[in-house]
Amino acid sequence: MDSVRFQQAGGKDNILIGDATIWDANAAALQAIFAEWTRTDQSFEQRVSHLISTGTGGLNGSYGLDKKSVIADSGVDALFGNGQALDWFFVTQKVDTFATHDPRDHITQV
């Protein structure tokens, strides 16, 4: 029997992905995504939009996060937002569970 993997959000806006991404072995891609996500001059919604639609003014350049960049696995993941900030969840339908704390959290089904 497989165990459940838990992921708890930190104190700021978070991206919670229970699976792998196509960028996991690409340090430049991860740094660009991190630069966009942690910028303070854009809202949560603007940062999500930049990461979904590459080339639209984001610091992530051509590196994006969407359904195509997340590689779903068969493992069960339990993802928990922090309730103090906004979170972006990537969840595998019918496998993963997640708990949001804000109706403005963004959910992407993989």
Protein backbone atom coordinates (compact mmCIF):
# COMPACT_ATOMS: atom_id res chain seq x y z
CA MET A 1 0.00 0.00 0.00
CA ASP A 2 1.34 3.41 -0.93
CA SER A 3 1.64 6.05 1.75
CA VAL A 4 0.08 9.48 1.52
CA ARG A 5 2.49 12.37 0.90
CA PHE A 6 1.67 15.54 2.82
CA GLN A 7 2.61 19.07 1.77
CA GLN A 8 1.94 22.06 4.02
CA ALA A 9 2.12 25.64 2.75
CA GLY A 10 4.41 28.21 4.37
CA GLY A 11 3.51 31.69 5.55
CA LYS A 12 3.40 33.50 2.20
CA ASP A 13 1.72 32.79 -1.15
CA ASN A 14 2.59 29.23 -2.16
CA ILE A 15 2.58 26.90 -5.13
CA LEU A 16 1.73 23.36 -3.98
CA ILE A 17 2.43 20.58 -6.48
CA GLY A 18 2.14 16.98 -5.34
CA ASP A 19 3.62 15.62 -8.54
CA ALA A 20 6.72 16.23 -10.66
CA THR A 21 7.13 18.96 -13.27
CA ILE A 22 8.97 18.99 -16.56
CA TRP A 23 11.23 21.64 -15.00
CA ASP A 24 12.43 19.64 -11.96
CA ALA A 25 15.92 19.04 -13.39
CA ASN A 26 16.26 22.50 -14.96
CA ALA A 27 17.76 24.96 -12.48
CA ALA A 28 17.34 27.96 -14.82
CA ALA A 29 13.63 27.19 -15.25
CA LEU A 30 13.07 26.80 -11.51
CA GLN A 31 14.93 30.05 -10.79
CA ALA A 32 12.84 31.92 -13.38
CA ILE A 33 9.58 30.51 -12.00
CA PHE A 34 10.68 31.36 -8.47
CA ALA A 35 11.62 34.91 -9.54
CA GLU A 36 8.13 35.45 -10.95
CA TRP A 37 6.36 33.86 -8.00
CA THR A 38 8.24 35.82 -5.32
CA ARG A 39 8.06 39.26 -6.93
CA THR A 40 6.28 41.86 -4.85
CA ASP A 41 5.21 44.32 -7.55
CA GLN A 42 2.48 42.06 -8.96
CA SER A 43 -0.70 40.65 -7.42
CA PHE A 44 -1.35 36.95 -6.84
CA GLU A 45 -3.61 36.86 -9.90
CA GLN A 46 -1.03 38.59 -12.10
CA ARG A 47 1.72 36.18 -11.06
CA VAL A 48 -0.50 33.15 -11.73
CA SER A 49 -1.40 34.61 -15.12
CA HIS A 50 2.26 35.21 -16.01
CA LEU A 51 3.16 31.64 -15.09
CA ILE A 52 0.26 30.17 -17.08
CA SER A 53 0.83 32.36 -20.15
CA THR A 54 4.55 32.64 -20.80
CA GLY A 55 5.85 35.71 -22.54
CA THR A 56 3.29 38.12 -21.09
CA GLY A 57 5.53 40.35 -18.97
CA GLY A 58 6.50 37.82 -16.35
CA LEU A 59 9.99 37.21 -15.01
CA ASN A 60 9.58 33.52 -15.84
CA GLY A 61 10.34 34.01 -19.53
CA SER A 62 9.39 30.89 -21.52
CA TYR A 63 9.04 28.70 -18.42
CA GLY A 64 5.47 28.18 -17.32
CA LEU A 65 3.31 26.16 -14.99
CA ASP A 66 0.12 24.60 -16.28
CA LYS A 67 -1.47 21.19 -16.78
CA LYS A 68 1.07 20.34 -19.48
CA SER A 69 4.09 21.09 -17.29
CA VAL A 70 2.99 18.92 -14.35
CA ILE A 71 3.52 15.17 -14.61
CA ALA A 72 0.78 13.38 -12.70
CA ASP A 73 1.68 10.27 -10.77
CA SER A 74 -0.44 7.61 -9.10
CA GLY A 75 0.62 8.63 -5.60
CA VAL A 76 -1.86 10.11 -3.17
CA ASP A 77 -0.96 13.63 -2.08
CA ALA A 78 -2.56 15.75 0.64
CA LEU A 79 -1.93 19.46 0.07
CA PHE A 80 -2.78 22.05 2.71
CA GLY A 81 -2.87 25.82 2.24
CA ASN A 82 -1.83 28.12 5.04
CA GLY A 83 -4.90 30.33 5.44
CA GLN A 84 -2.78 33.47 5.84
CA ALA A 85 -1.93 33.99 2.17
CA LEU A 86 -3.11 32.79 -1.23
CA ASP A 87 -2.10 29.41 -2.60
CA TRP A 88 -1.97 27.76 -6.02
CA PHE A 89 -2.72 24.02 -5.91
CA PHE A 90 -1.89 21.51 -8.65
CA VAL A 91 -3.90 18.36 -7.90
CA THR A 92 -4.42 15.05 -9.67
CA GLN A 93 -8.15 14.45 -10.04
CA LYS A 94 -9.61 11.59 -8.00
CA VAL A 95 -6.23 10.92 -6.33
CA ASP A 96 -5.05 13.98 -4.41
CA THR A 97 -6.81 15.85 -1.65
CA PHE A 98 -6.36 19.50 -0.85
CA ALA A 99 -7.63 21.99 1.67
CA THR A 100 -7.95 25.62 0.70
CA HIS A 101 -8.53 28.36 3.18
CA ASP A 102 -9.41 31.20 0.84
CA PRO A 103 -11.92 31.19 -2.02
CA ARG A 104 -9.37 33.16 -4.08
CA ASP A 105 -6.87 30.25 -3.99
CA HIS A 106 -6.18 28.93 -7.49
CA ILE A 107 -6.80 25.22 -8.26
CA THR A 108 -5.34 23.53 -11.35
CA GLN A 109 -6.53 19.98 -12.01
CA VAL A 110 -3.89 17.81 -13.65
